[in-house]
């Protein structure tokens, strides 16, 4: 996932600033959908994206919406 330096500093490690300006966790691996996950990426990681545009773009695209 690409983030700007400013977004990283504002959101902190393990998160990024989405298109709405909200900090959300970066995609993560888990055996089942973690609370707040919105999509399963094609690489098996769960995304917390709040927008469909760009969700899982660095993780092979969306396999399934939750």
PDB file of N, CA and C in Angstrom:
ATOM      1  N   UNK A   1       0.856  -1.173   0.000  1.00  0.00           N
ATOM      2  CA  UNK A   1       0.000   0.000   0.000  1.00  0.00           C
ATOM      3  C   UNK A   1       0.889   1.218   0.000  1.00  0.00           C
ATOM      4  N   UNK A   2       0.614   2.157  -0.873  1.00  0.00           N
ATOM      5  CA  UNK A   2       1.389   3.376  -0.941  1.00  0.00           C
ATOM      6  C   UNK A   2       0.752   4.448  -0.085  1.00  0.00           C
ATOM      7  N   UNK A   3       1.570   5.082   0.737  1.00  0.00           N
ATOM      8  CA  UNK A   3       1.092   6.196   1.548  1.00  0.00           C
ATOM      9  C   UNK A   3       2.058   7.346   1.404  1.00  0.00           C
ATOM     10  N   UNK A   4       1.590   8.541   1.616  1.00  0.00           N
ATOM     11  CA  UNK A   4       2.478   9.688   1.605  1.00  0.00           C
ATOM     12  C   UNK A   4       3.146   9.781   2.967  1.00  0.00           C
ATOM     13  N   UNK A   5       4.277  10.428   3.027  1.00  0.00           N
ATOM     14  CA  UNK A   5       4.971  10.576   4.302  1.00  0.00           C
ATOM     15  C   UNK A   5       4.064  11.255   5.320  1.00  0.00           C
ATOM     16  N   UNK A   6       3.327  12.287   4.909  1.00  0.00           N
ATOM     17  CA  UNK A   6       2.426  12.981   5.818  1.00  0.00           C
ATOM     18  C   UNK A   6       1.340  12.071   6.356  1.00  0.00           C
ATOM     19  N   UNK A   7       0.778  11.223   5.520  1.00  0.00           N
ATOM     20  CA  UNK A   7      -0.257  10.307   5.970  1.00  0.00           C
ATOM     21  C   UNK A   7       0.295   9.328   6.985  1.00  0.00           C
ATOM     22  N   UNK A   8       1.502   8.821   6.743  1.00  0.00           N
ATOM     23  CA  UNK A   8       2.098   7.863   7.666  1.00  0.00           C
ATOM     24  C   UNK A   8       2.297   8.508   9.033  1.00  0.00           C
ATOM     25  N   UNK A   9       2.786   9.721   9.041  1.00  0.00           N
ATOM     26  CA  UNK A   9       3.031  10.399  10.309  1.00  0.00           C
ATOM     27  C   UNK A   9       1.727  10.720  11.028  1.00  0.00           C
ATOM     28  N   UNK A  10       0.705  11.100  10.293  1.00  0.00           N
ATOM     29  CA  UNK A  10      -0.577  11.434  10.905  1.00  0.00           C
ATOM     30  C   UNK A  10      -1.297  10.194  11.416  1.00  0.00           C
ATOM     31  N   UNK A  11      -1.251   9.111  10.658  1.00  0.00           N
ATOM     32  CA  UNK A  11      -1.993   7.909  11.013  1.00  0.00           C
ATOM     33  C   UNK A  11      -1.181   6.948  11.870  1.00  0.00           C
ATOM     34  N   UNK A  12       0.090   6.945  11.740  1.00  0.00           N
ATOM     35  CA  UNK A  12       0.939   6.053  12.512  1.00  0.00           C
ATOM     36  C   UNK A  12       1.208   4.747  11.788  1.00  0.00           C
ATOM     37  N   UNK A  13       2.123   3.958  12.326  1.00  0.00           N
ATOM     38  CA  UNK A  13       2.475   2.679  11.710  1.00  0.00           C
ATOM     39  C   UNK A  13       1.278   1.746  11.646  1.00  0.00           C
ATOM     40  N   UNK A  14       1.183   0.988  10.564  1.00  0.00           N
ATOM     41  CA  UNK A  14       0.110   0.010  10.428  1.00  0.00           C
ATOM     42  C   UNK A  14      -1.215   0.591   9.989  1.00  0.00           C
ATOM     43  N   UNK A  15      -1.222   1.844   9.547  1.00  0.00           N
ATOM     44  CA  UNK A  15      -2.457   2.457   9.049  1.00  0.00           C
ATOM     45  C   UNK A  15      -2.113   3.465   7.964  1.00  0.00           C
ATOM     46  N   UNK A  16      -3.141   3.904   7.265  1.00  0.00           N
ATOM     47  CA  UNK A  16      -2.957   4.892   6.214  1.00  0.00           C
ATOM     48  C   UNK A  16      -4.171   5.798   6.155  1.00  0.00           C
ATOM     49  N   UNK A  17      -4.013   6.925   5.515  1.00  0.00           N
ATOM     50  CA  UNK A  17      -5.110   7.880   5.348  1.00  0.00           C
ATOM     51  C   UNK A  17      -5.854   7.543   4.062  1.00  0.00           C
ATOM     52  N   UNK A  18      -7.155   7.270   4.177  1.00  0.00           N
ATOM     53  CA  UNK A  18      -7.931   6.922   2.987  1.00  0.00           C
ATOM     54  C   UNK A  18      -8.388   8.180   2.253  1.00  0.00           C
ATOM     55  N   UNK A  19      -9.147   8.005   1.191  1.00  0.00           N
ATOM     56  CA  UNK A  19      -9.598   9.124   0.358  1.00  0.00           C
ATOM     57  C   UNK A  19     -10.478  10.103   1.129  1.00  0.00           C
ATOM     58  N   UNK A  20     -11.097   9.654   2.199  1.00  0.00           N
ATOM     59  CA  UNK A  20     -11.946  10.524   3.025  1.00  0.00           C
ATOM     60  C   UNK A  20     -11.147  11.270   4.089  1.00  0.00           C
ATOM     61  N   UNK A  21      -9.832  10.997   4.157  1.00  0.00           N
ATOM     62  CA  UNK A  21      -9.002  11.633   5.166  1.00  0.00           C
ATOM     63  C   UNK A  21      -9.058  10.949   6.515  1.00  0.00           C
ATOM     64  N   UNK A  22      -9.557   9.723   6.548  1.00  0.00           N
ATOM     65  CA  UNK A  22      -9.682   8.946   7.778  1.00  0.00           C
ATOM     66  C   UNK A  22      -8.572   7.908   7.840  1.00  0.00           C
ATOM     67  N   UNK A  23      -7.990   7.704   8.996  1.00  0.00           N
ATOM     68  CA  UNK A  23      -6.979   6.668   9.171  1.00  0.00           C
ATOM     69  C   UNK A  23      -7.660   5.310   9.311  1.00  0.00           C
ATOM     70  N   UNK A  24      -7.198   4.348   8.526  1.00  0.00           N
ATOM     71  CA  UNK A  24      -7.715   2.984   8.601  1.00  0.00           C
ATOM     72  C   UNK A  24      -6.529   2.027   8.644  1.00  0.00           C
ATOM     73  N   UNK A  25      -6.696   0.846   9.241  1.00  0.00           N
ATOM     74  CA  UNK A  25      -5.596  -0.122   9.294  1.00  0.00           C
ATOM     75  C   UNK A  25      -5.208  -0.597   7.895  1.00  0.00           C
ATOM     76  N   UNK A  26      -3.936  -0.883   7.700  1.00  0.00           N
ATOM     77  CA  UNK A  26      -3.490  -1.484   6.450  1.00  0.00           C
ATOM     78  C   UNK A  26      -4.005  -2.919   6.391  1.00  0.00           C
ATOM     79  N   UNK A  27      -4.125  -3.496   5.182  1.00  0.00           N
ATOM     80  CA  UNK A  27      -4.587  -4.884   5.089  1.00  0.00           C
ATOM     81  C   UNK A  27      -3.724  -5.808   5.933  1.00  0.00           C
ATOM     82  N   UNK A  28      -4.359  -6.830   6.497  1.00  0.00           N
ATOM     83  CA  UNK A  28      -3.658  -7.745   7.390  1.00  0.00           C
ATOM     84  C   UNK A  28      -4.136  -9.182   7.198  1.00  0.00           C
ATOM     85  N   UNK A  29      -3.249 -10.128   7.464  1.00  0.00           N
ATOM     86  CA  UNK A  29      -3.593 -11.545   7.413  1.00  0.00           C
ATOM     87  C   UNK A  29      -4.287 -11.951   8.702  1.00  0.00           C
ATOM     88  N   UNK A  30      -5.255 -12.831   8.577  1.00  0.00           N
ATOM     89  CA  UNK A  30      -5.976 -13.366   9.734  1.00  0.00           C
ATOM     90  C   UNK A  30      -6.678 -14.645   9.299  1.00  0.00           C
ATOM     91  N   UNK A  31      -6.926 -15.573  10.222  1.00  0.00           N
ATOM     92  CA  UNK A  31      -7.599 -16.821   9.874  1.00  0.00           C
ATOM     93  C   UNK A  31      -9.078 -16.637   9.538  1.00  0.00           C
ATOM     94  N   UNK A  32      -9.683 -15.568  10.034  1.00  0.00           N
ATOM     95  CA  UNK A  32     -11.081 -15.255   9.728  1.00  0.00           C
ATOM     96  C   UNK A  32     -11.213 -13.740   9.722  1.00  0.00           C
ATOM     97  N   UNK A  33     -12.317 -13.213   9.175  1.00  0.00           N
ATOM     98  CA  UNK A  33     -12.448 -11.759   9.079  1.00  0.00           C
ATOM     99  C   UNK A  33     -12.348 -11.059  10.433  1.00  0.00           C
ATOM    100  N   UNK A  34     -11.375 -10.159  10.578  1.00  0.00           N
ATOM    101  CA  UNK A  34     -11.263  -9.398  11.824  1.00  0.00           C
ATOM    102  C   UNK A  34     -12.390  -8.373  11.936  1.00  0.00           C
ATOM    103  N   UNK A  35     -12.722  -7.927  13.128  1.00  0.00           N
ATOM    104  CA  UNK A  35     -13.751  -6.895  13.283  1.00  0.00           C
ATOM    105  C   UNK A  35     -13.386  -5.651  12.475  1.00  0.00           C
ATOM    106  N   UNK A  36     -14.333  -5.161  11.714  1.00  0.00           N
ATOM    107  CA  UNK A  36     -14.128  -3.960  10.919  1.00  0.00           C
ATOM    108  C   UNK A  36     -13.623  -4.208   9.510  1.00  0.00           C
ATOM    109  N   UNK A  37     -13.223  -5.443   9.194  1.00  0.00           N
ATOM    110  CA  UNK A  37     -12.753  -5.742   7.839  1.00  0.00           C
ATOM    111  C   UNK A  37     -13.915  -5.610   6.855  1.00  0.00           C
ATOM    112  N   UNK A  38     -13.614  -5.108   5.672  1.00  0.00           N
ATOM    113  CA  UNK A  38     -14.655  -4.882   4.663  1.00  0.00           C
ATOM    114  C   UNK A  38     -14.495  -5.739   3.417  1.00  0.00           C
ATOM    115  N   UNK A  39     -13.289  -6.281   3.210  1.00  0.00           N
ATOM    116  CA  UNK A  39     -13.045  -7.079   2.011  1.00  0.00           C
ATOM    117  C   UNK A  39     -11.927  -8.079   2.255  1.00  0.00           C
ATOM    118  N   UNK A  40     -11.979  -9.191   1.541  1.00  0.00           N
ATOM    119  CA  UNK A  40     -10.891 -10.153   1.507  1.00  0.00           C
ATOM    120  C   UNK A  40     -10.154  -9.914   0.201  1.00  0.00           C
ATOM    121  N   UNK A  41      -8.864  -9.634   0.292  1.00  0.00           N
ATOM    122  CA  UNK A  41      -8.049  -9.388  -0.897  1.00  0.00           C
ATOM    123  C   UNK A  41      -7.628 -10.716  -1.518  1.00  0.00           C
ATOM    124  N   UNK A  42      -7.253 -10.684  -2.795  1.00  0.00           N
ATOM    125  CA  UNK A  42      -6.827 -11.894  -3.488  1.00  0.00           C
ATOM    126  C   UNK A  42      -5.576 -12.530  -2.907  1.00  0.00           C
ATOM    127  N   UNK A  43      -4.776 -11.788  -2.160  1.00  0.00           N
ATOM    128  CA  UNK A  43      -3.587 -12.368  -1.549  1.00  0.00           C
ATOM    129  C   UNK A  43      -3.882 -12.942  -0.162  1.00  0.00           C
ATOM    130  N   UNK A  44      -5.153 -12.953   0.250  1.00  0.00           N
ATOM    131  CA  UNK A  44      -5.555 -13.543   1.525  1.00  0.00           C
ATOM    132  C   UNK A  44      -5.594 -12.576   2.689  1.00  0.00           C
ATOM    133  N   UNK A  45      -5.215 -11.315   2.465  1.00  0.00           N
ATOM    134  CA  UNK A  45      -5.269 -10.326   3.540  1.00  0.00           C
ATOM    135  C   UNK A  45      -6.636  -9.653   3.574  1.00  0.00           C
ATOM    136  N   UNK A  46      -7.026  -9.181   4.745  1.00  0.00           N
ATOM    137  CA  UNK A  46      -8.294  -8.492   4.921  1.00  0.00           C
ATOM    138  C   UNK A  46      -8.071  -6.991   4.885  1.00  0.00           C
ATOM    139  N   UNK A  47      -8.940  -6.295   4.161  1.00  0.00           N
ATOM    140  CA  UNK A  47      -8.864  -4.847   4.037  1.00  0.00           C
ATOM    141  C   UNK A  47      -9.927  -4.195   4.910  1.00  0.00           C
ATOM    142  N   UNK A  48      -9.609  -3.011   5.384  1.00  0.00           N
ATOM    143  CA  UNK A  48     -10.532  -2.221   6.196  1.00  0.00           C
ATOM    144  C   UNK A  48     -10.993  -0.990   5.435  1.00  0.00           C
ATOM    145  N   UNK A  49     -10.838  -1.016   4.116  1.00  0.00           N
ATOM    146  CA  UNK A  49     -11.153   0.132   3.277  1.00  0.00           C
ATOM    147  C   UNK A  49     -12.608   0.550   3.433  1.00  0.00           C
ATOM    148  N   UNK A  50     -12.838   1.851   3.407  1.00  0.00           N
ATOM    149  CA  UNK A  50     -14.196   2.388   3.498  1.00  0.00           C
ATOM    150  C   UNK A  50     -14.711   2.798   2.122  1.00  0.00           C
ATOM    151  N   UNK A  51     -13.846   2.713   1.094  1.00  0.00           N
ATOM    152  CA  UNK A  51     -14.210   3.067  -0.277  1.00  0.00           C
ATOM    153  C   UNK A  51     -13.895   1.889  -1.189  1.00  0.00           C
ATOM    154  N   UNK A  52     -14.745   1.630  -2.143  1.00  0.00           N
ATOM    155  CA  UNK A  52     -14.489   0.533  -3.072  1.00  0.00           C
ATOM    156  C   UNK A  52     -13.318   0.835  -4.000  1.00  0.00           C
ATOM    157  N   UNK A  53     -13.173   2.079  -4.378  1.00  0.00           N
ATOM    158  CA  UNK A  53     -12.111   2.459  -5.298  1.00  0.00           C
ATOM    159  C   UNK A  53     -10.748   2.252  -4.636  1.00  0.00           C
ATOM    160  N   UNK A  54      -9.905   1.436  -5.250  1.00  0.00           N
ATOM    161  CA  UNK A  54      -8.557   1.202  -4.759  1.00  0.00           C
ATOM    162  C   UNK A  54      -8.431   0.136  -3.693  1.00  0.00           C
ATOM    163  N   UNK A  55      -9.531  -0.429  -3.243  1.00  0.00           N
ATOM    164  CA  UNK A  55      -9.468  -1.463  -2.208  1.00  0.00           C
ATOM    165  C   UNK A  55      -8.656  -2.650  -2.709  1.00  0.00           C
ATOM    166  N   UNK A  56      -7.704  -3.083  -1.936  1.00  0.00           N
ATOM    167  CA  UNK A  56      -6.832  -4.224  -2.235  1.00  0.00           C
ATOM    168  C   UNK A  56      -5.988  -4.009  -3.496  1.00  0.00           C
ATOM    169  N   UNK A  57      -5.800  -2.770  -3.897  1.00  0.00           N
ATOM    170  CA  UNK A  57      -5.062  -2.511  -5.135  1.00  0.00           C
ATOM    171  C   UNK A  57      -3.622  -3.007  -5.080  1.00  0.00           C
ATOM    172  N   UNK A  58      -3.018  -3.011  -3.924  1.00  0.00           N
ATOM    173  CA  UNK A  58      -1.651  -3.521  -3.774  1.00  0.00           C
ATOM    174  C   UNK A  58      -1.634  -4.971  -3.302  1.00  0.00           C
ATOM    175  N   UNK A  59      -2.803  -5.580  -3.227  1.00  0.00           N
ATOM    176  CA  UNK A  59      -2.930  -6.940  -2.710  1.00  0.00           C
ATOM    177  C   UNK A  59      -3.644  -7.860  -3.686  1.00  0.00           C
ATOM    178  N   UNK A  60      -3.581  -7.538  -4.968  1.00  0.00           N
ATOM    179  CA  UNK A  60      -4.143  -8.409  -5.992  1.00  0.00           C
ATOM    180  C   UNK A  60      -5.605  -8.199  -6.300  1.00  0.00           C
ATOM    181  N   UNK A  61      -6.221  -7.165  -5.763  1.00  0.00           N
ATOM    182  CA  UNK A  61      -7.639  -6.903  -5.991  1.00  0.00           C
ATOM    183  C   UNK A  61      -8.520  -7.575  -4.959  1.00  0.00           C
ATOM    184  N   UNK A  62      -9.809  -7.336  -5.060  1.00  0.00           N
ATOM    185  CA  UNK A  62     -10.780  -7.866  -4.100  1.00  0.00           C
ATOM    186  C   UNK A  62     -11.226  -9.267  -4.526  1.00  0.00           C
ATOM    187  N   UNK A  63     -11.092 -10.217  -3.621  1.00  0.00           N
ATOM    188  CA  UNK A  63     -11.610 -11.569  -3.853  1.00  0.00           C
ATOM    189  C   UNK A  63     -13.083 -11.646  -3.464  1.00  0.00           C
ATOM    190  N   UNK A  64     -13.412 -10.958  -2.335  1.00  0.00           N
ATOM    191  CA  UNK A  64     -14.792 -11.026  -1.830  1.00  0.00           C
ATOM    192  C   UNK A  64     -15.038  -9.846  -0.923  1.00  0.00           C
ATOM    193  N   UNK A  65     -16.201  -9.223  -1.083  1.00  0.00           N
ATOM    194  CA  UNK A  65     -16.625  -8.148  -0.177  1.00  0.00           C
ATOM    195  C   UNK A  65     -17.294  -8.788   1.027  1.00  0.00           C
ATOM    196  N   UNK A  66     -17.061  -8.224   2.192  1.00  0.00           N
ATOM    197  CA  UNK A  66     -17.635  -8.786   3.423  1.00  0.00           C
ATOM    198  C   UNK A  66     -18.863  -8.011   3.838  1.00  0.00           C
TER     199      UNK A  66
END
